[in-house]
Amino acid sequence: MELLSIVVPCFNEEATIPIFYDTVEKIKGQIDAEVEYCFVDDGSKDNTLAILRDLNKKSGGGSPLHFFLS
């Protein structure tokens, strides 16, 4: 089976991540490939990283990438 990697750049996206994730989860059965997510938090100041960590726990997937800007 093919692998589809979805790379999602995130910056202060706490409101949109759950909507995006739920939408992809609903349709991924229609895709003839294994789907993996790569969420990249680029130093968000809101709860983006906490939401990504919660999704990670629920899905059993890999850890979100988090970049700190100085």
N, C-alpha and C. Protein backbone atom coordinates (compact mmCIF):
# COMPACT_ATOMS: atom_id res chain seq x y z
N MET A 1 0.84 -1.17 0.00
CA MET A 1 0.00 0.00 0.00
C MET A 1 0.89 1.24 0.00
N GLU A 2 0.46 2.23 -0.72
CA GLU A 2 1.18 3.51 -0.79
C GLU A 2 1.05 4.25 0.53
N LEU A 3 1.95 5.20 0.76
CA LEU A 3 1.92 6.03 1.95
C LEU A 3 1.71 7.48 1.52
N LEU A 4 0.72 8.12 2.11
CA LEU A 4 0.47 9.54 1.87
C LEU A 4 0.83 10.29 3.13
N SER A 5 1.86 11.13 3.07
CA SER A 5 2.27 11.95 4.21
C SER A 5 1.69 13.34 4.03
N ILE A 6 0.94 13.77 5.03
CA ILE A 6 0.33 15.10 4.99
C ILE A 6 1.11 15.98 5.96
N VAL A 7 1.82 16.94 5.40
CA VAL A 7 2.62 17.87 6.20
C VAL A 7 1.78 19.12 6.44
N VAL A 8 1.57 19.44 7.72
CA VAL A 8 0.69 20.54 8.09
C VAL A 8 1.45 21.58 8.90
N PRO A 9 1.81 22.70 8.27
CA PRO A 9 2.46 23.76 9.04
C PRO A 9 1.42 24.42 9.95
N CYS A 10 1.79 24.66 11.20
CA CYS A 10 0.85 25.21 12.18
C CYS A 10 1.47 26.41 12.88
N PHE A 11 0.76 27.51 12.86
CA PHE A 11 1.15 28.67 13.65
C PHE A 11 -0.12 29.30 14.20
N ASN A 12 -0.33 29.15 15.50
CA ASN A 12 -1.53 29.65 16.16
C ASN A 12 -2.80 29.12 15.49
N GLU A 13 -2.87 27.82 15.38
CA GLU A 13 -3.99 27.15 14.69
C GLU A 13 -4.86 26.31 15.63
N GLU A 14 -4.94 26.70 16.91
CA GLU A 14 -5.70 25.89 17.86
C GLU A 14 -7.15 25.68 17.45
N ALA A 15 -7.75 26.63 16.77
CA ALA A 15 -9.16 26.50 16.37
C ALA A 15 -9.35 25.62 15.14
N THR A 16 -8.34 25.55 14.29
CA THR A 16 -8.53 24.84 13.02
C THR A 16 -7.99 23.41 12.99
N ILE A 17 -7.06 23.09 13.85
CA ILE A 17 -6.47 21.74 13.83
C ILE A 17 -7.51 20.65 14.04
N PRO A 18 -8.37 20.75 15.06
CA PRO A 18 -9.37 19.68 15.24
C PRO A 18 -10.30 19.53 14.04
N ILE A 19 -10.69 20.64 13.43
CA ILE A 19 -11.57 20.59 12.25
C ILE A 19 -10.85 19.92 11.10
N PHE A 20 -9.61 20.32 10.85
CA PHE A 20 -8.82 19.72 9.77
C PHE A 20 -8.65 18.22 9.98
N TYR A 21 -8.24 17.85 11.19
CA TYR A 21 -7.98 16.44 11.50
C TYR A 21 -9.26 15.60 11.34
N ASP A 22 -10.36 16.07 11.90
CA ASP A 22 -11.63 15.33 11.79
C ASP A 22 -12.07 15.18 10.35
N THR A 23 -11.87 16.22 9.55
CA THR A 23 -12.26 16.17 8.14
C THR A 23 -11.44 15.13 7.38
N VAL A 24 -10.14 15.13 7.57
CA VAL A 24 -9.28 14.15 6.89
C VAL A 24 -9.61 12.74 7.36
N GLU A 25 -9.84 12.56 8.66
CA GLU A 25 -10.18 11.24 9.19
C GLU A 25 -11.46 10.69 8.56
N LYS A 26 -12.42 11.57 8.29
CA LYS A 26 -13.69 11.14 7.69
C LYS A 26 -13.51 10.64 6.26
N ILE A 27 -12.57 11.23 5.53
CA ILE A 27 -12.43 10.87 4.11
C ILE A 27 -11.26 9.94 3.81
N LYS A 28 -10.40 9.68 4.79
CA LYS A 28 -9.20 8.91 4.47
C LYS A 28 -9.49 7.48 4.05
N GLY A 29 -10.67 6.96 4.37
CA GLY A 29 -11.05 5.64 3.90
C GLY A 29 -11.25 5.59 2.40
N GLN A 30 -11.45 6.74 1.78
CA GLN A 30 -11.63 6.84 0.34
C GLN A 30 -10.30 6.92 -0.41
N ILE A 31 -9.22 7.05 0.34
CA ILE A 31 -7.88 7.18 -0.24
C ILE A 31 -7.21 5.82 -0.22
N ASP A 32 -6.70 5.40 -1.36
CA ASP A 32 -6.05 4.10 -1.45
C ASP A 32 -4.58 4.21 -1.04
N ALA A 33 -4.39 4.63 0.22
CA ALA A 33 -3.03 4.78 0.75
C ALA A 33 -3.14 4.88 2.27
N GLU A 34 -2.05 4.51 2.92
CA GLU A 34 -1.96 4.74 4.35
C GLU A 34 -1.67 6.22 4.55
N VAL A 35 -2.35 6.84 5.50
CA VAL A 35 -2.20 8.28 5.71
C VAL A 35 -1.44 8.52 7.01
N GLU A 36 -0.42 9.38 6.92
CA GLU A 36 0.29 9.82 8.13
C GLU A 36 0.30 11.34 8.14
N TYR A 37 0.28 11.88 9.34
CA TYR A 37 0.32 13.33 9.51
C TYR A 37 1.69 13.75 10.03
N CYS A 38 2.13 14.90 9.58
CA CYS A 38 3.32 15.53 10.13
C CYS A 38 2.95 16.98 10.42
N PHE A 39 2.52 17.21 11.67
CA PHE A 39 2.18 18.57 12.09
C PHE A 39 3.45 19.26 12.54
N VAL A 40 3.69 20.46 12.01
CA VAL A 40 4.88 21.22 12.35
C VAL A 40 4.44 22.52 13.02
N ASP A 41 4.62 22.59 14.33
CA ASP A 41 4.28 23.80 15.08
C ASP A 41 5.46 24.74 15.02
N ASP A 42 5.25 25.90 14.45
CA ASP A 42 6.34 26.85 14.22
C ASP A 42 6.35 27.95 15.27
N GLY A 43 6.34 27.55 16.56
CA GLY A 43 6.45 28.52 17.64
C GLY A 43 5.14 29.20 18.00
N SER A 44 4.04 28.50 17.91
CA SER A 44 2.74 29.08 18.23
C SER A 44 2.70 29.61 19.66
N LYS A 45 1.95 30.68 19.86
CA LYS A 45 1.78 31.28 21.19
C LYS A 45 0.46 30.85 21.83
N ASP A 46 -0.40 30.16 21.10
CA ASP A 46 -1.68 29.71 21.63
C ASP A 46 -1.56 28.25 22.07
N ASN A 47 -2.63 27.51 22.09
CA ASN A 47 -2.63 26.12 22.55
C ASN A 47 -2.41 25.10 21.43
N THR A 48 -1.83 25.52 20.33
CA THR A 48 -1.60 24.62 19.20
C THR A 48 -0.83 23.38 19.62
N LEU A 49 0.27 23.54 20.30
CA LEU A 49 1.10 22.40 20.66
C LEU A 49 0.36 21.45 21.61
N ALA A 50 -0.39 21.98 22.55
CA ALA A 50 -1.17 21.14 23.47
C ALA A 50 -2.21 20.32 22.71
N ILE A 51 -2.84 20.93 21.74
CA ILE A 51 -3.84 20.22 20.92
C ILE A 51 -3.16 19.12 20.11
N LEU A 52 -2.00 19.41 19.54
CA LEU A 52 -1.27 18.40 18.78
C LEU A 52 -0.86 17.24 19.68
N ARG A 53 -0.44 17.54 20.88
CA ARG A 53 -0.07 16.47 21.81
C ARG A 53 -1.28 15.61 22.18
N ASP A 54 -2.43 16.24 22.37
CA ASP A 54 -3.66 15.49 22.65
C ASP A 54 -4.03 14.58 21.48
N LEU A 55 -3.94 15.11 20.27
CA LEU A 55 -4.22 14.29 19.08
C LEU A 55 -3.26 13.11 19.01
N ASN A 56 -2.02 13.36 19.35
CA ASN A 56 -1.01 12.32 19.33
C ASN A 56 -1.38 11.19 20.30
N LYS A 57 -1.81 11.55 21.50
CA LYS A 57 -2.20 10.54 22.49
C LYS A 57 -3.40 9.74 22.01
N LYS A 58 -4.38 10.42 21.42
CA LYS A 58 -5.60 9.75 20.96
C LYS A 58 -5.33 8.82 19.78
N SER A 59 -4.45 9.25 18.88
CA SER A 59 -4.22 8.48 17.66
C SER A 59 -3.09 7.47 17.79
N GLY A 60 -2.23 7.64 18.79
CA GLY A 60 -1.09 6.75 18.95
C GLY A 60 -0.02 6.98 17.90
N GLY A 61 -0.04 8.18 17.30
CA GLY A 61 0.92 8.49 16.24
C GLY A 61 2.22 9.05 16.77
N GLY A 62 3.02 9.58 15.87
CA GLY A 62 4.31 10.15 16.24
C GLY A 62 4.15 11.49 16.92
N SER A 63 5.23 12.00 17.42
CA SER A 63 5.20 13.28 18.13
C SER A 63 5.16 14.45 17.14
N PRO A 64 4.42 15.52 17.49
CA PRO A 64 4.44 16.69 16.63
C PRO A 64 5.80 17.36 16.68
N LEU A 65 6.20 17.95 15.58
CA LEU A 65 7.44 18.71 15.55
C LEU A 65 7.16 20.10 16.09
N HIS A 66 8.06 20.61 16.89
CA HIS A 66 7.85 21.94 17.48
C HIS A 66 9.14 22.73 17.35
N PHE A 67 9.05 23.90 16.74
CA PHE A 67 10.20 24.77 16.57
C PHE A 67 10.03 26.00 17.44
N PHE A 68 11.06 26.37 18.15
CA PHE A 68 11.05 27.55 18.98
C PHE A 68 11.79 28.65 18.24
N LEU A 69 11.15 29.78 18.12
CA LEU A 69 11.80 30.92 17.48
C LEU A 69 12.35 31.84 18.55
N SER A 70 13.56 32.30 18.33
CA SER A 70 14.15 33.20 19.34
C SER A 70 14.21 34.61 18.80
